[in-house]
C-alpha atoms as a PDB file:
ATOM      1  CA  LEU A   1     120.635  79.455 122.852  1.00  0.00           C
ATOM      2  CA  GLN A   2     117.593  80.199 124.977  1.00  0.00           C
ATOM      3  CA  TYR A   3     115.865  81.997 122.087  1.00  0.00           C
ATOM      4  CA  GLU A   4     117.061  79.779 119.231  1.00  0.00           C
ATOM      5  CA  ASN A   5     114.112  79.143 116.906  1.00  0.00           C
ATOM      6  CA  PRO A   6     111.257  80.242 119.151  1.00  0.00           C
ATOM      7  CA  ARG A   7     107.748  80.826 117.804  1.00  0.00           C
ATOM      8  CA  HIS A   8     108.645  84.482 117.135  1.00  0.00           C
ATOM      9  CA  ASN A   9     111.302  83.352 114.607  1.00  0.00           C
ATOM     10  CA  VAL A  10     109.072  81.583 112.073  1.00  0.00           C
ATOM     11  CA  GLY A  11     109.510  84.505 109.680  1.00  0.00           C
ATOM     12  CA  PHE A  12     113.283  84.059 109.777  1.00  0.00           C
ATOM     13  CA  MET A  13     112.881  80.293 109.354  1.00  0.00           C
ATOM     14  CA  ALA A  14     110.771  80.862 106.221  1.00  0.00           C
ATOM     15  CA  ALA A  15     113.279  83.414 104.889  1.00  0.00           C
ATOM     16  CA  ASP A  16     116.133  80.956 105.464  1.00  0.00           C
ATOM     17  CA  LEU A  17     114.303  78.233 103.562  1.00  0.00           C
ATOM     18  CA  PHE A  18     113.317  80.578 100.722  1.00  0.00           C
ATOM     19  CA  ILE A  19     116.831  81.878 100.137  1.00  0.00           C
ATOM     20  CA  LYS A  20     118.297  78.353 100.338  1.00  0.00           C
ATOM     21  CA  GLU A  21     115.748  76.956  97.861  1.00  0.00           C
ATOM     22  CA  ASN A  22     116.561  79.767  95.447  1.00  0.00           C
ATOM     23  CA  ASP A  23     120.358  79.449  95.583  1.00  0.00           C
ATOM     24  CA  GLY A  24     120.937  82.628  97.543  1.00  0.00           C
ATOM     25  CA  GLU A  25     122.767  83.275 100.761  1.00  0.00           C
ATOM     26  CA  PHE A  26     122.773  85.748 103.593  1.00  0.00           C
ATOM     27  CA  ASN A  27     126.073  87.529 103.118  1.00  0.00           C
ATOM     28  CA  LYS A  28     125.548  91.170 104.095  1.00  0.00           C
ATOM     29  CA  ASN A  29     125.154  92.738 107.493  1.00  0.00           C
ATOM     30  CA  LYS A  30     124.229  96.408 107.462  1.00  0.00           C
ATOM     31  CA  MET A  31     121.276  98.719 108.060  1.00  0.00           C
ATOM     32  CA  GLN A  32     120.408  96.713 111.202  1.00  0.00           C
ATOM     33  CA  ALA A  33     119.791  93.555 109.164  1.00  0.00           C
ATOM     34  CA  VAL A  34     121.398  90.442 107.783  1.00  0.00           C
ATOM     35  CA  PHE A  35     120.447  90.065 104.157  1.00  0.00           C
ATOM     36  CA  GLY A  36     121.227  88.409 100.908  1.00  0.00           C
ATOM     37  CA  GLU A  37     119.992  88.031  97.372  1.00  0.00           C
ATOM     38  CA  CYS A  38     118.610  85.416  95.065  1.00  0.00           C
ATOM     39  CA  LYS A  39     116.897  85.455  91.680  1.00  0.00           C
ATOM     40  CA  ILE A  40     113.430  84.413  90.627  1.00  0.00           C
ATOM     41  CA  GLY A  41     113.439  84.468  86.842  1.00  0.00           C
ATOM     42  CA  LYS A  42     114.858  87.874  85.970  1.00  0.00           C
ATOM     43  CA  ASN A  43     113.815  89.361  89.314  1.00  0.00           C
ATOM     44  CA  ARG A  44     116.518  90.219  91.830  1.00  0.00           C
ATOM     45  CA  ILE A  45     115.127  89.412  95.267  1.00  0.00           C
ATOM     46  CA  LEU A  46     116.517  90.960  98.434  1.00  0.00           C
ATOM     47  CA  VAL A  47     115.782  88.922 101.580  1.00  0.00           C
ATOM     48  CA  ALA A  48     116.409  90.618 104.918  1.00  0.00           C
ATOM     49  CA  LYS A  49     116.262  89.535 108.550  1.00  0.00           C
ATOM     50  CA  PRO A  50     116.167  92.568 110.867  1.00  0.00           C
ATOM     51  CA  GLN A  51     118.604  92.277 113.758  1.00  0.00           C
ATOM     52  CA  THR A  52     116.744  94.706 115.990  1.00  0.00           C
ATOM     53  CA  PHE A  53     114.326  93.592 118.652  1.00  0.00           C
ATOM     54  CA  MET A  54     111.200  92.218 116.955  1.00  0.00           C
ATOM     55  CA  ASN A  55     109.143  95.235 118.057  1.00  0.00           C
ATOM     56  CA  ASN A  56     111.608  97.577 116.303  1.00  0.00           C
ATOM     57  CA  SER A  57     111.759  95.772 112.943  1.00  0.00           C
ATOM     58  CA  GLY A  58     110.565  98.875 111.127  1.00  0.00           C
ATOM     59  CA  SER A  59     113.894 100.672 111.439  1.00  0.00           C
ATOM     60  CA  ALA A  60     115.705  97.985 109.434  1.00  0.00           C
ATOM     61  CA  VAL A  61     112.885  97.476 106.920  1.00  0.00           C
ATOM     62  CA  SER A  62     112.468 101.204 106.279  1.00  0.00           C
ATOM     63  CA  ALA A  63     116.244 101.788 105.961  1.00  0.00           C
ATOM     64  CA  ILE A  64     116.561  98.986 103.392  1.00  0.00           C
ATOM     65  CA  ALA A  65     113.458 100.108 101.484  1.00  0.00           C
ATOM     66  CA  LYS A  66     114.756 103.686 101.336  1.00  0.00           C
ATOM     67  CA  PHE A  67     118.311 102.718 100.337  1.00  0.00           C
ATOM     68  CA  TYR A  68     117.213 100.318  97.577  1.00  0.00           C
ATOM     69  CA  LYS A  69     114.198 102.478  96.582  1.00  0.00           C
ATOM     70  CA  ILE A  70     111.743  99.620  97.166  1.00  0.00           C
ATOM     71  CA  PRO A  71     108.090 100.738  97.157  1.00  0.00           C
ATOM     72  CA  THR A  72     105.983  99.314  99.979  1.00  0.00           C
ATOM     73  CA  GLU A  73     103.818  97.328  97.549  1.00  0.00           C
ATOM     74  CA  ARG A  74     106.947  95.323  96.588  1.00  0.00           C
ATOM     75  CA  ILE A  75     107.761  94.364 100.178  1.00  0.00           C
ATOM     76  CA  ILE A  76     106.696  91.034 101.695  1.00  0.00           C
ATOM     77  CA  ILE A  77     106.807  90.678 105.479  1.00  0.00           C
ATOM     78  CA  ILE A  78     106.679  87.203 107.040  1.00  0.00           C
ATOM     79  CA  PHE A  79     105.810  86.926 110.711  1.00  0.00           C
ATOM     80  CA  ASP A  80     104.243  84.829 113.449  1.00  0.00           C
ATOM     81  CA  ASP A  81     100.545  84.903 114.330  1.00  0.00           C
ATOM     82  CA  ILE A  82      99.222  83.566 117.625  1.00  0.00           C
ATOM     83  CA  SER A  83      95.637  83.603 116.355  1.00  0.00           C
ATOM     84  CA  LEU A  84      96.412  80.850 113.836  1.00  0.00           C
ATOM     85  CA  ASP A  85      97.032  77.198 114.623  1.00  0.00           C
ATOM     86  CA  VAL A  86     100.570  75.941 114.110  1.00  0.00           C
ATOM     87  CA  GLY A  87     101.115  75.371 110.415  1.00  0.00           C
ATOM     88  CA  LYS A  88      98.329  77.595 109.098  1.00  0.00           C
ATOM     89  CA  LEU A  89      99.141  80.439 106.709  1.00  0.00           C
ATOM     90  CA  ARG A  90      97.257  83.626 106.051  1.00  0.00           C
ATOM     91  CA  MET A  91      98.288  86.170 103.452  1.00  0.00           C
ATOM     92  CA  ARG A  92      97.075  89.714 103.096  1.00  0.00           C
ATOM     93  CA  ARG A  93      97.783  92.380 100.491  1.00  0.00           C
ATOM     94  CA  LYS A  94      97.634  95.146 103.097  1.00  0.00           C
ATOM     95  CA  GLY A  95      95.954  95.996 106.370  1.00  0.00           C
ATOM     96  CA  SER A  96      96.458  96.705 110.021  1.00  0.00           C
ATOM     97  CA  HIS A  97      99.198  95.269 112.205  1.00  0.00           C
ATOM     98  CA  GLY A  98      96.696  92.922 113.865  1.00  0.00           C
ATOM     99  CA  GLY A  99      98.305  93.424 117.266  1.00  0.00           C
ATOM    100  CA  HIS A 100     101.788  92.336 116.124  1.00  0.00           C
ATOM    101  CA  ASN A 101     104.190  94.981 117.425  1.00  0.00           C
ATOM    102  CA  GLY A 102     106.870  94.297 114.816  1.00  0.00           C
ATOM    103  CA  MET A 103     104.342  94.812 112.033  1.00  0.00           C
ATOM    104  CA  ARG A 104     103.023  97.912 113.826  1.00  0.00           C
ATOM    105  CA  ASP A 105     106.540  99.403 113.762  1.00  0.00           C
ATOM    106  CA  ILE A 106     107.048  98.532 110.091  1.00  0.00           C
ATOM    107  CA  ILE A 107     103.745 100.152 109.081  1.00  0.00           C
ATOM    108  CA  GLU A 108     104.483 103.229 111.176  1.00  0.00           C
ATOM    109  CA  LEU A 109     107.998 103.766 109.791  1.00  0.00           C
ATOM    110  CA  LEU A 110     107.092 103.015 106.171  1.00  0.00           C
ATOM    111  CA  GLY A 111     104.154 105.377 106.472  1.00  0.00           C
ATOM    112  CA  ASN A 112     101.422 103.102 105.126  1.00  0.00           C
ATOM    113  CA  ASP A 113      99.900  99.652 105.443  1.00  0.00           C
ATOM    114  CA  ASN A 114     100.107  98.740 101.734  1.00  0.00           C
ATOM    115  CA  ILE A 115     102.508  95.926 102.616  1.00  0.00           C
ATOM    116  CA  CYS A 116     102.021  92.316 101.616  1.00  0.00           C
ATOM    117  CA  ARG A 117     102.280  89.985 104.559  1.00  0.00           C
ATOM    118  CA  ILE A 118     102.451  86.257 105.188  1.00  0.00           C
ATOM    119  CA  LYS A 119     101.385  85.249 108.671  1.00  0.00           C
ATOM    120  CA  ILE A 120     102.462  81.841 109.938  1.00  0.00           C
ATOM    121  CA  GLY A 121     100.437  80.320 112.749  1.00  0.00           C
ATOM    122  CA  VAL A 122     102.332  79.541 115.933  1.00  0.00           C
ATOM    123  CA  GLY A 123      99.332  78.535 118.037  1.00  0.00           C
ATOM    124  CA  ALA A 124      97.422  80.313 120.754  1.00  0.00           C
ATOM    125  CA  LYS A 125      98.618  80.742 124.318  1.00  0.00           C
ATOM    126  CA  PRO A 126      97.717  77.706 126.462  1.00  0.00           C
ATOM    127  CA  HIS A 127      95.464  79.875 128.663  1.00  0.00           C
ATOM    128  CA  PRO A 128      94.550  83.601 128.810  1.00  0.00           C
ATOM    129  CA  ASP A 129      96.757  84.345 131.830  1.00  0.00           C
ATOM    130  CA  TYR A 130      99.886  82.915 130.182  1.00  0.00           C
ATOM    131  CA  ASP A 131     102.465  85.650 129.495  1.00  0.00           C
ATOM    132  CA  LEU A 132     102.486  86.486 125.772  1.00  0.00           C
ATOM    133  CA  ALA A 133     106.231  87.229 125.682  1.00  0.00           C
ATOM    134  CA  ASN A 134     106.997  83.858 127.252  1.00  0.00           C
ATOM    135  CA  TRP A 135     104.703  82.162 124.728  1.00  0.00           C
ATOM    136  CA  VAL A 136     106.213  83.684 121.575  1.00  0.00           C
ATOM    137  CA  LEU A 137     109.736  83.125 122.905  1.00  0.00           C
ATOM    138  CA  SER A 138     109.035  79.467 123.653  1.00  0.00           C
ATOM    139  CA  LYS A 139     110.111  76.672 121.334  1.00  0.00           C
ATOM    140  CA  PHE A 140     107.729  74.505 119.375  1.00  0.00           C
ATOM    141  CA  PRO A 141     107.069  71.084 120.910  1.00  0.00           C
ATOM    142  CA  LYS A 142     108.099  68.033 118.878  1.00  0.00           C
ATOM    143  CA  GLU A 143     104.480  67.227 118.000  1.00  0.00           C
ATOM    144  CA  ASP A 144     104.266  70.528 116.052  1.00  0.00           C
ATOM    145  CA  THR A 145     107.351  69.830 113.918  1.00  0.00           C
ATOM    146  CA  GLU A 146     105.505  68.278 110.967  1.00  0.00           C
ATOM    147  CA  ASN A 147     102.923  71.084 110.750  1.00  0.00           C
ATOM    148  CA  LEU A 148     105.621  73.716 111.163  1.00  0.00           C
ATOM    149  CA  ASP A 149     107.778  72.193 108.423  1.00  0.00           C
ATOM    150  CA  LYS A 150     104.804  72.095 106.041  1.00  0.00           C
ATOM    151  CA  ALA A 151     103.985  75.729 106.849  1.00  0.00           C
ATOM    152  CA  LEU A 152     107.572  76.828 106.163  1.00  0.00           C
ATOM    153  CA  GLN A 153     107.508  75.000 102.819  1.00  0.00           C
ATOM    154  CA  LYS A 154     104.208  76.686 101.924  1.00  0.00           C
ATOM    155  CA  ALA A 155     105.501  80.083 103.044  1.00  0.00           C
ATOM    156  CA  SER A 156     108.590  79.730 100.866  1.00  0.00           C
ATOM    157  CA  ALA A 157     106.482  78.627  97.897  1.00  0.00           C
ATOM    158  CA  SER A 158     104.016  81.459  98.495  1.00  0.00           C
ATOM    159  CA  ILE A 159     106.800  84.063  98.368  1.00  0.00           C
ATOM    160  CA  LYS A 160     107.779  82.771  94.948  1.00  0.00           C
ATOM    161  CA  GLU A 161     104.120  82.693  93.876  1.00  0.00           C
ATOM    162  CA  ILE A 162     103.676  86.328  94.940  1.00  0.00           C
ATOM    163  CA  ILE A 163     106.756  87.364  92.963  1.00  0.00           C
ATOM    164  CA  VAL A 164     105.851  85.409  89.823  1.00  0.00           C
ATOM    165  CA  LYS A 165     102.039  85.509  89.725  1.00  0.00           C
ATOM    166  CA  GLY A 166     100.986  88.084  92.312  1.00  0.00           C
ATOM    167  CA  ILE A 167      99.402  88.144  95.729  1.00  0.00           C
ATOM    168  CA  ASP A 168      95.917  87.131  94.528  1.00  0.00           C
ATOM    169  CA  SER A 169      97.274  83.904  93.059  1.00  0.00           C
ATOM    170  CA  ALA A 170      99.258  83.194  96.233  1.00  0.00           C
ATOM    171  CA  MET A 171      96.259  83.862  98.481  1.00  0.00           C
ATOM    172  CA  ASN A 172      94.047  81.565  96.385  1.00  0.00           C
ATOM    173  CA  LYS A 173      96.647  78.825  96.433  1.00  0.00           C
ATOM    174  CA  TYR A 174      98.073  78.997  99.965  1.00  0.00           C
ATOM    175  CA  ASN A 175      95.655  80.709 102.374  1.00  0.00           C
ATOM    176  CA  ASN A 176      94.076  78.051 104.552  1.00  0.00           C
END
């Protein structure tokens, strides 16, 4: 249980909340991921949580995208960002990996950066010499719980907004 719900897992936490709020469930385990489905209107939504190491997330994402013939512009990646305060969200339509090795792997294996992403702030390292791996694998302190919960709610709502109204609407509504 050492790595249960560390900062690095905020993407999974948001995915869990999203699928629960939309009456889905994680009930498949293949292609190096646990995934399930839900519906938003008439849209069938596949939600996946890669089971590789974070830095190798691209192998699961690319396998699922290829199998289900999902174009990169229809993929939404949710991940942690140490440059944002806990609870802050930042969405982008596309772009670089921003130093996140999991996103770097996804971009590399999908072959382009035209991938919508939702970054959830997990706070900066306490000081520059602090080991990054230790920081992202650490748990959130109790005082961050309220901001984290609000961010997860916003992330879940923003996924739905992206699906229903598009990324521009979601960015206008939820980027902070």
